[in-house]
Amino acid sequence: MKKLVLIAILFISGITFGQSNLFSKFDDNPDITKVVVTEHMFKLMKEISSESSEGKEYADLISGIKALKVYTTDDPVISKDMKLEVDKFLANTKLKELMRIDEKDVQVKFYFAEGKDSDHVKELFMFVTNSNPKSDKETVILSLEGDIDLKSVAKLTNQMNISGGEHLKNLNKK
């Protein structure tokens, strides 16, 4: 019985830490641009921005966010590796597909973990990839964790000027 409990704990730990392993593989690669914003930075941004009326609106946008991670590259070899890793990651998580966008040279996929109601998610995961290897479009992995209001996500990413964020405006059309 103890062995069964230990195996279950190890399995759950593997699922829980699977995402951080996905990102850690790309952390030391100089051909990947990384943006990592922690919960502490979001708290600081909220405190600083809540001093004006425009800032208060921004503070409300970020109030439930705990982490943001964005990894981008335009290197075709790295893009292929990122796609393989994302496919493995998605196969081992409970994230559900939210929506998919197929444009000329770009495919955008959104996944989510359910939140407290239909407007909120615990995690939003976006993967943008090239369908044309000769395209100069970036491959983007974006993960947003916390108590996330889907109606606010596009506005936030536009304000932070995050690569791939322009695709999030389509979430309001879900």
C-alpha atoms as a PDB file:
ATOM      1  CA  MET A   1       0.000   0.000   0.000  1.00  0.00           C
ATOM      2  CA  LYS A   2       2.828   2.423   0.871  1.00  0.00           C
ATOM      3  CA  LYS A   3       4.445   1.717  -2.506  1.00  0.00           C
ATOM      4  CA  LEU A   4       1.193   2.533  -4.276  1.00  0.00           C
ATOM      5  CA  VAL A   5       0.874   5.854  -2.412  1.00  0.00           C
ATOM      6  CA  LEU A   6       4.526   6.702  -3.192  1.00  0.00           C
ATOM      7  CA  ILE A   7       4.019   5.939  -6.890  1.00  0.00           C
ATOM      8  CA  ALA A   8       0.878   8.096  -6.940  1.00  0.00           C
ATOM      9  CA  ILE A   9       2.736  11.007  -5.284  1.00  0.00           C
ATOM     10  CA  LEU A  10       5.601  10.738  -7.776  1.00  0.00           C
ATOM     11  CA  PHE A  11       3.163  10.621 -10.681  1.00  0.00           C
ATOM     12  CA  ILE A  12       1.250  13.687  -9.461  1.00  0.00           C
ATOM     13  CA  SER A  13       4.517  15.529  -8.847  1.00  0.00           C
ATOM     14  CA  GLY A  14       5.590  14.765 -12.396  1.00  0.00           C
ATOM     15  CA  ILE A  15       2.385  16.258 -13.762  1.00  0.00           C
ATOM     16  CA  THR A  16       2.594  19.296 -11.500  1.00  0.00           C
ATOM     17  CA  PHE A  17       6.191  20.067 -12.341  1.00  0.00           C
ATOM     18  CA  GLY A  18       5.918  19.057 -15.987  1.00  0.00           C
ATOM     19  CA  GLN A  19       5.438  22.603 -17.165  1.00  0.00           C
ATOM     20  CA  SER A  20       8.436  24.005 -15.347  1.00  0.00           C
ATOM     21  CA  ASN A  21      10.500  21.240 -16.956  1.00  0.00           C
ATOM     22  CA  LEU A  22       9.137  22.244 -20.361  1.00  0.00           C
ATOM     23  CA  PHE A  23      10.345  25.784 -19.848  1.00  0.00           C
ATOM     24  CA  SER A  24      13.604  24.913 -18.102  1.00  0.00           C
ATOM     25  CA  LYS A  25      14.758  23.067 -21.223  1.00  0.00           C
ATOM     26  CA  PHE A  26      14.723  26.391 -23.073  1.00  0.00           C
ATOM     27  CA  ASP A  27      16.089  28.623 -20.290  1.00  0.00           C
ATOM     28  CA  ASP A  28      19.752  28.516 -21.276  1.00  0.00           C
ATOM     29  CA  ASN A  29      19.299  28.746 -25.022  1.00  0.00           C
ATOM     30  CA  PRO A  30      20.551  32.137 -26.297  1.00  0.00           C
ATOM     31  CA  ASP A  31      18.427  31.814 -29.470  1.00  0.00           C
ATOM     32  CA  ILE A  32      15.220  31.918 -27.437  1.00  0.00           C
ATOM     33  CA  THR A  33      13.895  35.182 -26.054  1.00  0.00           C
ATOM     34  CA  LYS A  34      12.431  34.702 -22.592  1.00  0.00           C
ATOM     35  CA  VAL A  35      10.078  36.817 -20.509  1.00  0.00           C
ATOM     36  CA  VAL A  36       9.308  35.500 -17.034  1.00  0.00           C
ATOM     37  CA  VAL A  37       7.204  37.584 -14.658  1.00  0.00           C
ATOM     38  CA  THR A  38       6.661  36.193 -11.161  1.00  0.00           C
ATOM     39  CA  GLU A  39       3.833  36.714  -8.703  1.00  0.00           C
ATOM     40  CA  HIS A  40       6.020  39.135  -6.731  1.00  0.00           C
ATOM     41  CA  MET A  41       6.489  41.354  -9.772  1.00  0.00           C
ATOM     42  CA  PHE A  42       2.753  41.346 -10.475  1.00  0.00           C
ATOM     43  CA  LYS A  43       2.130  42.409  -6.856  1.00  0.00           C
ATOM     44  CA  LEU A  44       4.664  45.219  -7.206  1.00  0.00           C
ATOM     45  CA  MET A  45       3.170  46.316 -10.545  1.00  0.00           C
ATOM     46  CA  LYS A  46      -0.293  46.339  -8.945  1.00  0.00           C
ATOM     47  CA  GLU A  47       0.876  48.495  -6.021  1.00  0.00           C
ATOM     48  CA  ILE A  48       2.660  50.982  -8.243  1.00  0.00           C
ATOM     49  CA  SER A  49      -0.076  51.265 -10.849  1.00  0.00           C
ATOM     50  CA  SER A  50      -3.037  51.632  -8.472  1.00  0.00           C
ATOM     51  CA  GLU A  51      -2.129  55.257  -7.740  1.00  0.00           C
ATOM     52  CA  SER A  52      -3.958  56.707 -10.797  1.00  0.00           C
ATOM     53  CA  SER A  53      -7.356  55.927 -12.333  1.00  0.00           C
ATOM     54  CA  GLU A  54      -5.733  54.439 -15.473  1.00  0.00           C
ATOM     55  CA  GLY A  55      -3.327  52.545 -13.239  1.00  0.00           C
ATOM     56  CA  LYS A  56      -6.201  51.207 -11.145  1.00  0.00           C
ATOM     57  CA  GLU A  57      -7.722  49.655 -14.255  1.00  0.00           C
ATOM     58  CA  TYR A  58      -4.365  48.035 -15.030  1.00  0.00           C
ATOM     59  CA  ALA A  59      -4.067  46.850 -11.413  1.00  0.00           C
ATOM     60  CA  ASP A  60      -7.468  45.194 -11.708  1.00  0.00           C
ATOM     61  CA  LEU A  61      -6.302  43.421 -14.872  1.00  0.00           C
ATOM     62  CA  ILE A  62      -3.295  41.842 -13.169  1.00  0.00           C
ATOM     63  CA  SER A  63      -4.772  41.235  -9.720  1.00  0.00           C
ATOM     64  CA  GLY A  64      -5.237  37.466 -10.103  1.00  0.00           C
ATOM     65  CA  ILE A  65      -2.124  36.653 -12.098  1.00  0.00           C
ATOM     66  CA  LYS A  66       0.584  34.618 -10.396  1.00  0.00           C
ATOM     67  CA  ALA A  67       3.021  33.943 -13.259  1.00  0.00           C
ATOM     68  CA  LEU A  68       3.648  34.760 -16.875  1.00  0.00           C
ATOM     69  CA  LYS A  69       6.176  32.950 -19.048  1.00  0.00           C
ATOM     70  CA  VAL A  70       6.824  33.673 -22.699  1.00  0.00           C
ATOM     71  CA  TYR A  71       9.424  31.947 -24.868  1.00  0.00           C
ATOM     72  CA  THR A  72       9.953  32.996 -28.490  1.00  0.00           C
ATOM     73  CA  THR A  73      12.276  32.090 -31.336  1.00  0.00           C
ATOM     74  CA  ASP A  74      12.459  32.477 -35.074  1.00  0.00           C
ATOM     75  CA  ASP A  75      15.026  29.684 -35.485  1.00  0.00           C
ATOM     76  CA  PRO A  76      13.363  26.825 -37.451  1.00  0.00           C
ATOM     77  CA  VAL A  77      15.348  24.055 -35.710  1.00  0.00           C
ATOM     78  CA  ILE A  78      14.499  25.376 -32.247  1.00  0.00           C
ATOM     79  CA  SER A  79      10.883  25.923 -33.321  1.00  0.00           C
ATOM     80  CA  LYS A  80      10.631  22.249 -34.270  1.00  0.00           C
ATOM     81  CA  ASP A  81      12.064  21.246 -30.877  1.00  0.00           C
ATOM     82  CA  MET A  82       9.651  23.584 -29.093  1.00  0.00           C
ATOM     83  CA  LYS A  83       6.727  21.997 -30.935  1.00  0.00           C
ATOM     84  CA  LEU A  84       7.844  18.487 -29.938  1.00  0.00           C
ATOM     85  CA  GLU A  85       8.182  19.552 -26.288  1.00  0.00           C
ATOM     86  CA  VAL A  86       4.810  21.308 -26.274  1.00  0.00           C
ATOM     87  CA  ASP A  87       3.157  18.232 -27.790  1.00  0.00           C
ATOM     88  CA  LYS A  88       4.669  16.057 -25.029  1.00  0.00           C
ATOM     89  CA  PHE A  89       3.642  18.569 -22.372  1.00  0.00           C
ATOM     90  CA  LEU A  90       0.042  18.762 -23.595  1.00  0.00           C
ATOM     91  CA  ALA A  91      -0.222  14.975 -23.754  1.00  0.00           C
ATOM     92  CA  ASN A  92       0.666  14.813 -20.046  1.00  0.00           C
ATOM     93  CA  THR A  93      -1.539  17.602 -18.679  1.00  0.00           C
ATOM     94  CA  LYS A  94      -5.214  18.089 -18.106  1.00  0.00           C
ATOM     95  CA  LEU A  95      -5.331  21.277 -20.135  1.00  0.00           C
ATOM     96  CA  LYS A  96      -8.268  21.467 -22.550  1.00  0.00           C
ATOM     97  CA  GLU A  97      -8.233  23.104 -25.941  1.00  0.00           C
ATOM     98  CA  LEU A  98      -9.966  26.473 -25.817  1.00  0.00           C
ATOM     99  CA  MET A  99      -9.618  27.517 -29.436  1.00  0.00           C
ATOM    100  CA  ARG A 100      -7.438  27.280 -32.523  1.00  0.00           C
ATOM    101  CA  ILE A 101      -6.599  29.824 -35.219  1.00  0.00           C
ATOM    102  CA  ASP A 102      -5.132  28.854 -38.576  1.00  0.00           C
ATOM    103  CA  GLU A 103      -3.807  31.752 -40.611  1.00  0.00           C
ATOM    104  CA  LYS A 104      -1.629  31.786 -43.740  1.00  0.00           C
ATOM    105  CA  ASP A 105       1.710  30.796 -42.164  1.00  0.00           C
ATOM    106  CA  VAL A 106       0.716  30.598 -38.498  1.00  0.00           C
ATOM    107  CA  GLN A 107      -1.196  28.213 -36.276  1.00  0.00           C
ATOM    108  CA  VAL A 108      -2.284  29.441 -32.846  1.00  0.00           C
ATOM    109  CA  LYS A 109      -3.631  27.084 -30.185  1.00  0.00           C
ATOM    110  CA  PHE A 110      -5.025  28.012 -26.787  1.00  0.00           C
ATOM    111  CA  TYR A 111      -5.429  25.588 -23.900  1.00  0.00           C
ATOM    112  CA  PHE A 112      -6.809  26.163 -20.423  1.00  0.00           C
ATOM    113  CA  ALA A 113      -7.406  24.730 -16.992  1.00  0.00           C
ATOM    114  CA  GLU A 114     -10.878  25.527 -15.676  1.00  0.00           C
ATOM    115  CA  GLY A 115     -11.246  28.314 -13.134  1.00  0.00           C
ATOM    116  CA  LYS A 116     -13.898  29.405 -10.670  1.00  0.00           C
ATOM    117  CA  ASP A 117     -16.456  30.217 -13.408  1.00  0.00           C
ATOM    118  CA  SER A 118     -16.815  30.318 -17.181  1.00  0.00           C
ATOM    119  CA  ASP A 119     -15.004  33.676 -17.478  1.00  0.00           C
ATOM    120  CA  HIS A 120     -11.967  32.593 -15.432  1.00  0.00           C
ATOM    121  CA  VAL A 121      -9.210  30.029 -15.903  1.00  0.00           C
ATOM    122  CA  LYS A 122      -6.421  28.777 -13.618  1.00  0.00           C
ATOM    123  CA  GLU A 123      -4.024  28.552 -16.512  1.00  0.00           C
ATOM    124  CA  LEU A 124      -3.974  29.798 -20.058  1.00  0.00           C
ATOM    125  CA  PHE A 125      -1.434  28.217 -22.388  1.00  0.00           C
ATOM    126  CA  MET A 126      -0.839  29.494 -25.913  1.00  0.00           C
ATOM    127  CA  PHE A 127       1.359  28.007 -28.601  1.00  0.00           C
ATOM    128  CA  VAL A 128       2.027  29.851 -31.852  1.00  0.00           C
ATOM    129  CA  THR A 129       3.923  27.988 -34.539  1.00  0.00           C
ATOM    130  CA  ASN A 130       4.856  28.369 -38.182  1.00  0.00           C
ATOM    131  CA  SER A 131       3.203  26.134 -40.721  1.00  0.00           C
ATOM    132  CA  ASN A 132       5.778  27.344 -43.260  1.00  0.00           C
ATOM    133  CA  PRO A 133       9.416  26.683 -42.237  1.00  0.00           C
ATOM    134  CA  LYS A 134      10.619  29.484 -44.563  1.00  0.00           C
ATOM    135  CA  SER A 135       8.390  32.024 -42.848  1.00  0.00           C
ATOM    136  CA  ASP A 136       9.950  34.657 -40.615  1.00  0.00           C
ATOM    137  CA  LYS A 137       7.129  34.279 -38.075  1.00  0.00           C
ATOM    138  CA  GLU A 138       8.110  33.570 -34.489  1.00  0.00           C
ATOM    139  CA  THR A 139       7.288  30.445 -32.549  1.00  0.00           C
ATOM    140  CA  VAL A 140       5.798  31.468 -29.199  1.00  0.00           C
ATOM    141  CA  ILE A 141       5.025  29.568 -26.003  1.00  0.00           C
ATOM    142  CA  LEU A 142       3.006  31.582 -23.497  1.00  0.00           C
ATOM    143  CA  SER A 143       1.774  30.446 -20.100  1.00  0.00           C
ATOM    144  CA  LEU A 144      -0.316  32.547 -17.760  1.00  0.00           C
ATOM    145  CA  GLU A 145      -1.206  31.168 -14.307  1.00  0.00           C
ATOM    146  CA  GLY A 146      -3.465  32.403 -11.520  1.00  0.00           C
ATOM    147  CA  ASP A 147      -7.111  33.424 -11.315  1.00  0.00           C
ATOM    148  CA  ILE A 148      -7.311  34.749 -14.852  1.00  0.00           C
ATOM    149  CA  ASP A 149     -10.235  36.684 -16.284  1.00  0.00           C
ATOM    150  CA  LEU A 150     -10.296  35.798 -19.975  1.00  0.00           C
ATOM    151  CA  LYS A 151     -11.907  39.128 -20.826  1.00  0.00           C
ATOM    152  CA  SER A 152      -8.839  40.957 -19.500  1.00  0.00           C
ATOM    153  CA  VAL A 153      -6.059  38.810 -20.987  1.00  0.00           C
ATOM    154  CA  ALA A 154      -5.862  40.451 -24.429  1.00  0.00           C
ATOM    155  CA  LYS A 155      -5.814  43.930 -22.953  1.00  0.00           C
ATOM    156  CA  LEU A 156      -3.008  42.986 -20.564  1.00  0.00           C
ATOM    157  CA  THR A 157      -0.784  41.405 -23.197  1.00  0.00           C
ATOM    158  CA  ASN A 158      -1.261  44.390 -25.496  1.00  0.00           C
ATOM    159  CA  GLN A 159      -0.239  46.761 -22.690  1.00  0.00           C
ATOM    160  CA  MET A 160       2.832  44.638 -21.925  1.00  0.00           C
ATOM    161  CA  ASN A 161       3.667  44.383 -25.676  1.00  0.00           C
ATOM    162  CA  ILE A 162       4.174  40.612 -25.479  1.00  0.00           C
ATOM    163  CA  SER A 163       5.067  38.714 -28.628  1.00  0.00           C
ATOM    164  CA  GLY A 164       2.098  36.640 -29.781  1.00  0.00           C
ATOM    165  CA  GLY A 165      -0.267  38.680 -27.618  1.00  0.00           C
ATOM    166  CA  GLU A 166      -2.147  39.975 -30.646  1.00  0.00           C
ATOM    167  CA  HIS A 167      -3.709  36.500 -30.981  1.00  0.00           C
ATOM    168  CA  LEU A 168      -5.262  36.730 -27.520  1.00  0.00           C
ATOM    169  CA  LYS A 169      -7.797  39.329 -28.676  1.00  0.00           C
ATOM    170  CA  ASN A 170      -9.671  36.414 -30.260  1.00  0.00           C
ATOM    171  CA  LEU A 171     -10.404  34.921 -26.827  1.00  0.00           C
ATOM    172  CA  ASN A 172     -13.225  37.387 -26.317  1.00  0.00           C
ATOM    173  CA  LYS A 173     -14.910  35.814 -29.350  1.00  0.00           C
ATOM    174  CA  LYS A 174     -14.935  32.297 -27.828  1.00  0.00           C
END
